[in-house]
N, C-alpha and C. Protein backbone atom coordinates (compact mmCIF):
# COMPACT_ATOMS: atom_id res chain seq x y z
N MET A 1 -2.17 -13.18 5.64
CA MET A 1 -1.47 -11.94 5.92
C MET A 1 -0.04 -12.03 5.39
N LYS A 2 0.40 -10.95 4.83
CA LYS A 2 1.75 -10.89 4.29
C LYS A 2 2.56 -9.83 5.04
N THR A 3 3.84 -10.11 5.19
CA THR A 3 4.73 -9.16 5.85
C THR A 3 5.26 -8.16 4.82
N VAL A 4 5.88 -7.12 5.31
CA VAL A 4 6.49 -6.13 4.42
C VAL A 4 7.51 -6.80 3.50
N SER A 5 8.31 -7.68 4.04
CA SER A 5 9.32 -8.38 3.25
C SER A 5 8.68 -9.17 2.11
N GLN A 6 7.60 -9.86 2.40
CA GLN A 6 6.92 -10.63 1.36
C GLN A 6 6.35 -9.72 0.29
N ILE A 7 5.81 -8.59 0.68
CA ILE A 7 5.23 -7.66 -0.29
C ILE A 7 6.31 -7.04 -1.16
N THR A 8 7.46 -6.71 -0.56
CA THR A 8 8.54 -6.13 -1.37
C THR A 8 9.03 -7.14 -2.40
N GLN A 9 9.05 -8.40 -2.04
CA GLN A 9 9.46 -9.44 -3.00
C GLN A 9 8.43 -9.61 -4.11
N LEU A 10 7.15 -9.53 -3.76
CA LEU A 10 6.08 -9.70 -4.75
C LEU A 10 5.98 -8.52 -5.72
N THR A 11 6.16 -7.31 -5.20
CA THR A 11 5.88 -6.12 -6.00
C THR A 11 7.11 -5.38 -6.50
N GLY A 12 8.23 -5.55 -5.80
CA GLY A 12 9.43 -4.82 -6.17
C GLY A 12 9.51 -3.43 -5.57
N ILE A 13 8.50 -3.02 -4.80
CA ILE A 13 8.60 -1.72 -4.15
C ILE A 13 9.36 -1.89 -2.83
N SER A 14 9.87 -0.80 -2.32
CA SER A 14 10.70 -0.89 -1.12
C SER A 14 9.86 -0.86 0.15
N ALA A 15 10.47 -1.31 1.23
CA ALA A 15 9.83 -1.25 2.54
C ALA A 15 9.59 0.21 2.92
N ARG A 16 10.51 1.07 2.55
CA ARG A 16 10.36 2.50 2.84
C ARG A 16 9.14 3.07 2.12
N THR A 17 8.87 2.61 0.91
CA THR A 17 7.69 3.07 0.18
C THR A 17 6.43 2.67 0.92
N LEU A 18 6.36 1.45 1.40
CA LEU A 18 5.20 1.01 2.17
C LEU A 18 5.05 1.86 3.44
N GLN A 19 6.16 2.15 4.08
CA GLN A 19 6.13 2.98 5.28
C GLN A 19 5.61 4.38 4.95
N TYR A 20 6.06 4.92 3.83
CA TYR A 20 5.61 6.25 3.41
C TYR A 20 4.12 6.23 3.09
N TYR A 21 3.66 5.21 2.40
CA TYR A 21 2.22 5.10 2.10
C TYR A 21 1.40 5.06 3.38
N ASP A 22 1.92 4.43 4.40
CA ASP A 22 1.26 4.40 5.70
C ASP A 22 1.26 5.80 6.31
N GLU A 23 2.38 6.50 6.24
CA GLU A 23 2.50 7.84 6.82
C GLU A 23 1.52 8.83 6.20
N ILE A 24 1.29 8.72 4.89
CA ILE A 24 0.40 9.66 4.20
C ILE A 24 -1.03 9.13 4.10
N ASP A 25 -1.31 8.04 4.79
CA ASP A 25 -2.64 7.43 4.83
C ASP A 25 -3.13 6.95 3.47
N LEU A 26 -2.20 6.56 2.62
CA LEU A 26 -2.58 6.01 1.32
C LEU A 26 -2.84 4.51 1.43
N LEU A 27 -1.99 3.82 2.16
CA LEU A 27 -2.16 2.38 2.36
C LEU A 27 -1.75 2.03 3.79
N LYS A 28 -2.74 1.78 4.60
CA LYS A 28 -2.48 1.42 5.99
C LYS A 28 -2.31 -0.10 6.09
N PRO A 29 -1.47 -0.56 6.99
CA PRO A 29 -1.38 -2.01 7.19
C PRO A 29 -2.70 -2.53 7.75
N SER A 30 -3.01 -3.76 7.44
CA SER A 30 -4.24 -4.37 7.93
C SER A 30 -4.16 -4.65 9.42
N GLU A 31 -2.95 -4.90 9.86
CA GLU A 31 -2.75 -5.27 11.26
C GLU A 31 -1.31 -4.96 11.65
N LEU A 32 -1.12 -4.68 12.92
CA LEU A 32 0.23 -4.53 13.49
C LEU A 32 0.42 -5.62 14.51
N THR A 33 1.58 -6.27 14.46
CA THR A 33 1.86 -7.29 15.46
C THR A 33 2.19 -6.61 16.78
N HIS A 34 2.26 -7.37 17.84
CA HIS A 34 2.58 -6.79 19.14
C HIS A 34 3.99 -6.19 19.18
N THR A 35 4.83 -6.59 18.23
CA THR A 35 6.18 -6.03 18.14
C THR A 35 6.27 -4.88 17.13
N GLY A 36 5.13 -4.51 16.52
CA GLY A 36 5.10 -3.37 15.62
C GLY A 36 5.30 -3.67 14.15
N TYR A 37 5.37 -4.93 13.78
CA TYR A 37 5.52 -5.28 12.36
C TYR A 37 4.20 -5.08 11.64
N ARG A 38 4.29 -4.54 10.42
CA ARG A 38 3.10 -4.32 9.61
C ARG A 38 2.73 -5.61 8.87
N LEU A 39 1.44 -5.90 8.84
CA LEU A 39 0.92 -7.05 8.10
C LEU A 39 -0.18 -6.55 7.16
N TYR A 40 -0.25 -7.15 5.99
CA TYR A 40 -1.20 -6.74 4.97
C TYR A 40 -2.04 -7.93 4.52
N ASP A 41 -3.35 -7.74 4.45
CA ASP A 41 -4.23 -8.81 3.99
C ASP A 41 -4.49 -8.68 2.48
N ASP A 42 -5.34 -9.53 1.95
CA ASP A 42 -5.61 -9.53 0.51
C ASP A 42 -6.24 -8.22 0.04
N ASN A 43 -7.10 -7.62 0.86
CA ASN A 43 -7.72 -6.34 0.48
C ASN A 43 -6.66 -5.25 0.35
N ALA A 44 -5.71 -5.23 1.26
CA ALA A 44 -4.63 -4.25 1.20
C ALA A 44 -3.76 -4.48 -0.04
N LEU A 45 -3.54 -5.74 -0.37
CA LEU A 45 -2.76 -6.05 -1.58
C LEU A 45 -3.48 -5.60 -2.84
N GLN A 46 -4.80 -5.74 -2.87
CA GLN A 46 -5.57 -5.26 -4.01
C GLN A 46 -5.48 -3.74 -4.12
N LYS A 47 -5.56 -3.07 -2.98
CA LYS A 47 -5.43 -1.61 -2.99
C LYS A 47 -4.04 -1.21 -3.46
N LEU A 48 -3.01 -1.91 -3.01
CA LEU A 48 -1.65 -1.63 -3.46
C LEU A 48 -1.53 -1.83 -4.96
N GLN A 49 -2.17 -2.85 -5.48
CA GLN A 49 -2.16 -3.09 -6.93
C GLN A 49 -2.78 -1.91 -7.67
N GLN A 50 -3.87 -1.37 -7.14
CA GLN A 50 -4.50 -0.20 -7.76
C GLN A 50 -3.57 1.02 -7.69
N ILE A 51 -2.93 1.21 -6.56
CA ILE A 51 -2.00 2.33 -6.40
C ILE A 51 -0.88 2.23 -7.44
N LEU A 52 -0.30 1.05 -7.56
CA LEU A 52 0.79 0.87 -8.52
C LEU A 52 0.32 1.05 -9.96
N PHE A 53 -0.91 0.64 -10.25
CA PHE A 53 -1.48 0.83 -11.58
C PHE A 53 -1.59 2.32 -11.91
N PHE A 54 -2.17 3.08 -10.98
CA PHE A 54 -2.33 4.52 -11.22
C PHE A 54 -0.98 5.22 -11.30
N LYS A 55 -0.02 4.78 -10.49
CA LYS A 55 1.33 5.37 -10.57
C LYS A 55 1.94 5.11 -11.95
N GLU A 56 1.74 3.90 -12.46
CA GLU A 56 2.25 3.55 -13.79
C GLU A 56 1.65 4.45 -14.87
N LEU A 57 0.41 4.87 -14.65
CA LEU A 57 -0.26 5.77 -15.60
C LEU A 57 0.18 7.22 -15.43
N GLY A 58 0.98 7.50 -14.40
CA GLY A 58 1.54 8.83 -14.22
C GLY A 58 0.80 9.72 -13.24
N PHE A 59 -0.15 9.17 -12.50
CA PHE A 59 -0.87 9.98 -11.52
C PHE A 59 -0.02 10.20 -10.28
N LYS A 60 -0.25 11.34 -9.62
CA LYS A 60 0.44 11.66 -8.38
C LYS A 60 -0.25 10.96 -7.22
N LEU A 61 0.48 10.77 -6.12
CA LEU A 61 -0.07 10.05 -4.98
C LEU A 61 -1.31 10.75 -4.41
N LYS A 62 -1.32 12.06 -4.41
CA LYS A 62 -2.49 12.79 -3.92
C LYS A 62 -3.71 12.48 -4.78
N GLU A 63 -3.52 12.45 -6.10
CA GLU A 63 -4.63 12.12 -7.00
C GLU A 63 -5.09 10.68 -6.79
N ILE A 64 -4.14 9.79 -6.61
CA ILE A 64 -4.48 8.38 -6.39
C ILE A 64 -5.29 8.23 -5.12
N ASN A 65 -4.89 8.94 -4.09
CA ASN A 65 -5.62 8.89 -2.82
C ASN A 65 -7.06 9.36 -3.01
N GLU A 66 -7.25 10.39 -3.82
CA GLU A 66 -8.60 10.88 -4.12
C GLU A 66 -9.40 9.83 -4.90
N PHE A 67 -8.76 9.20 -5.89
CA PHE A 67 -9.45 8.17 -6.68
C PHE A 67 -9.91 7.03 -5.79
N LEU A 68 -9.03 6.58 -4.92
CA LEU A 68 -9.34 5.43 -4.08
C LEU A 68 -10.39 5.77 -3.02
N GLY A 69 -10.54 7.05 -2.72
CA GLY A 69 -11.54 7.47 -1.76
C GLY A 69 -12.94 7.55 -2.33
N GLN A 70 -13.03 7.44 -3.67
CA GLN A 70 -14.33 7.50 -4.34
C GLN A 70 -14.76 6.11 -4.76
N PRO A 71 -15.89 5.64 -4.27
CA PRO A 71 -16.31 4.26 -4.61
C PRO A 71 -16.62 4.07 -6.09
N ASP A 72 -16.92 5.15 -6.81
CA ASP A 72 -17.23 5.01 -8.23
C ASP A 72 -15.98 4.80 -9.01
């Protein structure tokens, strides 16, 4: 499990961006600690990688959410 701080260091995206992705149900944390800290597992990191890939290609977050919702 990785913390928000670790993910921001790995990816360069901000903690606020991760919070926003959670708010719009694009990327939910894998787990919340008893103190409310978000934790992300390897599956969540893979999903984040896909999100960042589609963003790099110029897709909007709504479109990305639709893509990720389709198993094909």
